[in-house]
Amino acid sequence: MATPELERIRQSDRPISETAAVMGDKAMAAADRVGQRINQTMEQAGSAMSTVQEKGSEVAGRAGDVIGNFRQAIEKSARSQPTTTVLMAVAAGFMLGAMWNSGSSYPRD
């Protein structure tokens, strides 16, 4: 069963070499379009990657600021209210331990 394109070629008065040249030109044009699309996609991906890297650096910087502020707050609290700070640390440790143990699925003896 021949495709319509193949039937048109068979019925054409053109020599095969001319038909092959036309088909080659069409194939080259299609390959060029595909190449251009790939280049555009790669450029867009590179731009997106740069944006992600910038945002990641920004988030890391902000996280560093938050950690620094948190550390300063704990140091200030430890100096001004040492007992309260120790009790809060014990409570936080207890809560973390409880969450850790609730996540395990192993039976305990």
N, C-alpha and C. Protein backbone atom coordinates (compact mmCIF):
# COMPACT_ATOMS: atom_id res chain seq x y z
N MET A 1 0.85 -1.17 0.00
CA MET A 1 0.00 0.00 0.00
C MET A 1 0.90 1.24 0.00
N ALA A 2 0.77 2.03 -1.01
CA ALA A 2 1.63 3.20 -1.18
C ALA A 2 0.98 4.42 -0.56
N THR A 3 1.81 5.28 -0.06
CA THR A 3 1.32 6.53 0.51
C THR A 3 0.97 7.49 -0.62
N PRO A 4 0.16 8.50 -0.35
CA PRO A 4 -0.19 9.46 -1.41
C PRO A 4 1.06 10.15 -1.98
N GLU A 5 2.02 10.44 -1.12
CA GLU A 5 3.25 11.09 -1.59
C GLU A 5 4.00 10.18 -2.56
N LEU A 6 4.08 8.90 -2.24
CA LEU A 6 4.78 7.95 -3.10
C LEU A 6 4.05 7.80 -4.43
N GLU A 7 2.75 7.75 -4.43
CA GLU A 7 1.97 7.66 -5.68
C GLU A 7 2.19 8.89 -6.54
N ARG A 8 2.23 10.06 -5.94
CA ARG A 8 2.44 11.29 -6.68
C ARG A 8 3.82 11.26 -7.33
N ILE A 9 4.80 10.74 -6.62
CA ILE A 9 6.15 10.64 -7.19
C ILE A 9 6.16 9.68 -8.36
N ARG A 10 5.50 8.56 -8.23
CA ARG A 10 5.46 7.56 -9.31
C ARG A 10 4.79 8.14 -10.57
N GLN A 11 3.77 8.95 -10.40
CA GLN A 11 3.03 9.48 -11.53
C GLN A 11 3.65 10.76 -12.08
N SER A 12 4.64 11.28 -11.41
CA SER A 12 5.27 12.52 -11.81
C SER A 12 6.09 12.33 -13.09
N ASP A 13 6.21 13.39 -13.86
CA ASP A 13 7.02 13.36 -15.07
C ASP A 13 8.48 13.68 -14.76
N ARG A 14 8.75 14.09 -13.52
CA ARG A 14 10.11 14.46 -13.14
C ARG A 14 11.00 13.23 -13.06
N PRO A 15 12.25 13.41 -13.36
CA PRO A 15 13.18 12.29 -13.18
C PRO A 15 13.40 12.04 -11.68
N ILE A 16 13.80 10.83 -11.37
CA ILE A 16 14.02 10.43 -9.98
C ILE A 16 15.06 11.33 -9.32
N SER A 17 16.09 11.71 -10.02
CA SER A 17 17.15 12.53 -9.42
C SER A 17 16.59 13.88 -8.97
N GLU A 18 15.69 14.44 -9.77
CA GLU A 18 15.08 15.72 -9.40
C GLU A 18 14.20 15.55 -8.16
N THR A 19 13.43 14.48 -8.13
CA THR A 19 12.57 14.19 -6.98
C THR A 19 13.42 13.97 -5.73
N ALA A 20 14.52 13.25 -5.87
CA ALA A 20 15.41 13.00 -4.73
C ALA A 20 16.01 14.30 -4.23
N ALA A 21 16.34 15.21 -5.14
CA ALA A 21 16.91 16.49 -4.74
C ALA A 21 15.88 17.31 -3.97
N VAL A 22 14.64 17.32 -4.45
CA VAL A 22 13.57 18.06 -3.76
C VAL A 22 13.35 17.47 -2.37
N MET A 23 13.31 16.15 -2.29
CA MET A 23 13.10 15.50 -0.98
C MET A 23 14.28 15.77 -0.05
N GLY A 24 15.49 15.78 -0.60
CA GLY A 24 16.67 16.09 0.20
C GLY A 24 16.61 17.50 0.74
N ASP A 25 16.17 18.45 -0.11
CA ASP A 25 16.01 19.84 0.34
C ASP A 25 14.99 19.95 1.47
N LYS A 26 13.88 19.23 1.30
CA LYS A 26 12.85 19.25 2.35
C LYS A 26 13.39 18.65 3.65
N ALA A 27 14.14 17.58 3.52
CA ALA A 27 14.71 16.95 4.72
C ALA A 27 15.71 17.89 5.40
N MET A 28 16.52 18.59 4.62
CA MET A 28 17.48 19.53 5.18
C MET A 28 16.76 20.68 5.89
N ALA A 29 15.69 21.18 5.27
CA ALA A 29 14.93 22.27 5.88
C ALA A 29 14.32 21.81 7.20
N ALA A 30 13.79 20.58 7.22
CA ALA A 30 13.21 20.05 8.45
C ALA A 30 14.29 19.88 9.52
N ALA A 31 15.45 19.38 9.12
CA ALA A 31 16.56 19.21 10.07
C ALA A 31 17.01 20.56 10.63
N ASP A 32 17.04 21.59 9.78
CA ASP A 32 17.40 22.93 10.24
C ASP A 32 16.40 23.45 11.28
N ARG A 33 15.11 23.24 11.01
CA ARG A 33 14.09 23.69 11.96
C ARG A 33 14.23 22.96 13.29
N VAL A 34 14.49 21.66 13.23
CA VAL A 34 14.67 20.89 14.46
C VAL A 34 15.90 21.40 15.21
N GLY A 35 16.99 21.66 14.49
CA GLY A 35 18.20 22.18 15.12
C GLY A 35 17.97 23.52 15.79
N GLN A 36 17.22 24.40 15.12
CA GLN A 36 16.91 25.71 15.70
C GLN A 36 16.07 25.56 16.96
N ARG A 37 15.11 24.64 16.92
CA ARG A 37 14.25 24.40 18.09
C ARG A 37 15.08 23.85 19.26
N ILE A 38 16.02 22.97 18.96
CA ILE A 38 16.88 22.42 20.01
C ILE A 38 17.73 23.53 20.61
N ASN A 39 18.29 24.38 19.76
CA ASN A 39 19.10 25.50 20.27
C ASN A 39 18.28 26.42 21.16
N GLN A 40 17.04 26.73 20.75
CA GLN A 40 16.17 27.59 21.55
C GLN A 40 15.89 26.94 22.91
N THR A 41 15.61 25.65 22.87
CA THR A 41 15.31 24.93 24.11
C THR A 41 16.51 24.92 25.04
N MET A 42 17.70 24.71 24.48
CA MET A 42 18.92 24.71 25.29
C MET A 42 19.17 26.09 25.90
N GLU A 43 18.92 27.14 25.14
CA GLU A 43 19.09 28.50 25.67
C GLU A 43 18.11 28.76 26.81
N GLN A 44 16.86 28.32 26.63
CA GLN A 44 15.86 28.50 27.68
C GLN A 44 16.23 27.70 28.92
N ALA A 45 16.73 26.49 28.72
CA ALA A 45 17.14 25.66 29.86
C ALA A 45 18.31 26.31 30.60
N GLY A 46 19.25 26.86 29.85
CA GLY A 46 20.39 27.54 30.47
C GLY A 46 19.95 28.75 31.27
N SER A 47 19.01 29.50 30.73
CA SER A 47 18.48 30.67 31.43
C SER A 47 17.76 30.25 32.71
N ALA A 48 16.96 29.19 32.61
CA ALA A 48 16.24 28.70 33.78
C ALA A 48 17.22 28.20 34.84
N MET A 49 18.29 27.54 34.41
CA MET A 49 19.28 27.03 35.35
C MET A 49 19.98 28.18 36.07
N SER A 50 20.28 29.25 35.35
CA SER A 50 20.90 30.42 35.98
C SER A 50 19.98 31.02 37.03
N THR A 51 18.71 31.10 36.70
CA THR A 51 17.73 31.64 37.64
C THR A 51 17.65 30.77 38.90
N VAL A 52 17.64 29.46 38.70
CA VAL A 52 17.58 28.54 39.84
C VAL A 52 18.82 28.69 40.71
N GLN A 53 19.99 28.82 40.08
CA GLN A 53 21.22 28.99 40.84
C GLN A 53 21.20 30.29 41.65
N GLU A 54 20.71 31.37 41.02
CA GLU A 54 20.62 32.64 41.73
C GLU A 54 19.68 32.54 42.92
N LYS A 55 18.52 31.93 42.71
CA LYS A 55 17.54 31.78 43.79
C LYS A 55 18.11 30.90 44.89
N GLY A 56 18.83 29.83 44.51
CA GLY A 56 19.43 28.95 45.51
C GLY A 56 20.45 29.68 46.35
N SER A 57 21.27 30.50 45.72
CA SER A 57 22.25 31.28 46.46
C SER A 57 21.57 32.26 47.41
N GLU A 58 20.49 32.87 46.93
CA GLU A 58 19.74 33.82 47.76
C GLU A 58 19.13 33.12 48.97
N VAL A 59 18.54 31.95 48.75
CA VAL A 59 17.93 31.19 49.85
C VAL A 59 19.00 30.76 50.85
N ALA A 60 20.14 30.31 50.34
CA ALA A 60 21.22 29.89 51.24
C ALA A 60 21.71 31.07 52.08
N GLY A 61 21.81 32.22 51.47
CA GLY A 61 22.22 33.41 52.22
C GLY A 61 21.22 33.77 53.30
N ARG A 62 19.95 33.70 52.96
CA ARG A 62 18.91 34.01 53.95
C ARG A 62 18.90 32.98 55.07
N ALA A 63 19.09 31.71 54.72
CA ALA A 63 19.13 30.67 55.75
C ALA A 63 20.30 30.90 56.69
N GLY A 64 21.44 31.33 56.15
CA GLY A 64 22.59 31.65 56.99
C GLY A 64 22.28 32.79 57.94
N ASP A 65 21.56 33.79 57.44
CA ASP A 65 21.17 34.92 58.30
C ASP A 65 20.25 34.45 59.43
N VAL A 66 19.29 33.60 59.08
CA VAL A 66 18.34 33.10 60.09
C VAL A 66 19.09 32.28 61.15
N ILE A 67 20.01 31.43 60.71
CA ILE A 67 20.77 30.62 61.66
C ILE A 67 21.60 31.52 62.57
N GLY A 68 22.21 32.54 61.99
CA GLY A 68 22.98 33.48 62.80
C GLY A 68 22.12 34.20 63.83
N ASN A 69 20.95 34.64 63.40
CA ASN A 69 20.03 35.32 64.33
C ASN A 69 19.55 34.37 65.42
N PHE A 70 19.25 33.13 65.04
CA PHE A 70 18.80 32.14 66.01
C PHE A 70 19.90 31.86 67.04
N ARG A 71 21.11 31.75 66.57
CA ARG A 71 22.24 31.51 67.47
C ARG A 71 22.40 32.67 68.46
N GLN A 72 22.31 33.88 67.94
CA GLN A 72 22.43 35.06 68.82
C GLN A 72 21.31 35.08 69.86
N ALA A 73 20.10 34.72 69.44
CA ALA A 73 18.97 34.72 70.37
C ALA A 73 19.18 33.68 71.47
N ILE A 74 19.68 32.50 71.09
CA ILE A 74 19.92 31.46 72.09
C ILE A 74 21.02 31.88 73.06
N GLU A 75 22.08 32.48 72.53
CA GLU A 75 23.17 32.94 73.39
C GLU A 75 22.68 34.01 74.37
N LYS A 76 21.86 34.92 73.86
CA LYS A 76 21.32 35.99 74.72
C LYS A 76 20.41 35.39 75.80
N SER A 77 19.58 34.44 75.38
CA SER A 77 18.67 33.79 76.32
C SER A 77 19.45 32.99 77.37
N ALA A 78 20.51 32.31 76.95
CA ALA A 78 21.32 31.51 77.88
C ALA A 78 21.99 32.40 78.91
N ARG A 79 22.38 33.59 78.52
CA ARG A 79 23.02 34.50 79.47
C ARG A 79 22.02 35.13 80.43
N SER A 80 20.87 35.50 79.90
CA SER A 80 19.91 36.22 80.74
C SER A 80 19.00 35.28 81.53
N GLN A 81 18.65 34.10 80.96
CA GLN A 81 17.76 33.15 81.63
C GLN A 81 18.27 31.72 81.42
N PRO A 82 19.33 31.34 82.08
CA PRO A 82 19.95 30.03 81.84
C PRO A 82 19.02 28.85 82.16
N THR A 83 18.25 28.92 83.21
CA THR A 83 17.37 27.81 83.59
C THR A 83 16.29 27.59 82.53
N THR A 84 15.67 28.66 82.10
CA THR A 84 14.63 28.57 81.07
C THR A 84 15.21 28.03 79.77
N THR A 85 16.40 28.44 79.42
CA THR A 85 17.03 27.98 78.19
C THR A 85 17.31 26.48 78.25
N VAL A 86 17.80 26.01 79.41
CA VAL A 86 18.07 24.57 79.56
C VAL A 86 16.76 23.79 79.49
N LEU A 87 15.71 24.26 80.16
CA LEU A 87 14.42 23.57 80.12
C LEU A 87 13.85 23.52 78.70
N MET A 88 14.01 24.60 77.95
CA MET A 88 13.53 24.61 76.55
C MET A 88 14.33 23.63 75.71
N ALA A 89 15.64 23.53 75.95
CA ALA A 89 16.47 22.58 75.21
C ALA A 89 16.06 21.14 75.53
N VAL A 90 15.76 20.87 76.79
CA VAL A 90 15.30 19.54 77.19
C VAL A 90 13.96 19.23 76.52
N ALA A 91 13.04 20.19 76.52
CA ALA A 91 11.73 19.99 75.89
C ALA A 91 11.88 19.75 74.39
N ALA A 92 12.75 20.52 73.74
CA ALA A 92 12.97 20.33 72.30
C ALA A 92 13.57 18.96 72.04
N GLY A 93 14.52 18.52 72.88
CA GLY A 93 15.11 17.18 72.73
C GLY A 93 14.08 16.10 72.92
N PHE A 94 13.21 16.28 73.92
CA PHE A 94 12.15 15.30 74.15
C PHE A 94 11.22 15.19 72.94
N MET A 95 10.82 16.35 72.40
CA MET A 95 9.92 16.34 71.24
C MET A 95 10.59 15.71 70.02
N LEU A 96 11.85 16.03 69.78
CA LEU A 96 12.55 15.41 68.66
C LEU A 96 12.68 13.91 68.85
N GLY A 97 12.98 13.48 70.06
CA GLY A 97 13.06 12.04 70.34
C GLY A 97 11.73 11.35 70.14
N ALA A 98 10.65 11.97 70.57
CA ALA A 98 9.32 11.39 70.40
C ALA A 98 8.97 11.27 68.92
N MET A 99 9.28 12.32 68.15
CA MET A 99 9.01 12.25 66.69
C MET A 99 9.86 11.18 66.04
N TRP A 100 11.10 11.07 66.46
CA TRP A 100 12.02 10.07 65.89
C TRP A 100 11.49 8.67 66.15
N ASN A 101 11.07 8.42 67.39
CA ASN A 101 10.58 7.09 67.75
C ASN A 101 9.23 6.78 67.12
N SER A 102 8.38 7.76 66.94
CA SER A 102 7.08 7.50 66.33
C SER A 102 7.21 7.17 64.86
N GLY A 103 8.31 7.58 64.24
CA GLY A 103 8.53 7.30 62.82
C GLY A 103 9.08 5.91 62.57
N SER A 104 9.62 5.25 63.59
CA SER A 104 10.20 3.92 63.36
C SER A 104 9.10 2.89 63.39
N SER A 105 9.24 1.88 62.54
CA SER A 105 8.22 0.83 62.46
C SER A 105 8.72 -0.50 63.03
N TYR A 106 9.85 -0.46 63.73
CA TYR A 106 10.40 -1.68 64.29
C TYR A 106 9.75 -1.95 65.65
N PRO A 107 9.42 -3.21 65.91
CA PRO A 107 8.86 -3.52 67.25
C PRO A 107 9.95 -3.37 68.30
N ARG A 108 9.53 -2.88 69.45
CA ARG A 108 10.48 -2.71 70.55
C ARG A 108 10.32 -3.84 71.53
N ASP A 109 11.41 -4.20 72.15
CA ASP A 109 11.38 -5.28 73.17
C ASP A 109 11.08 -4.71 74.54
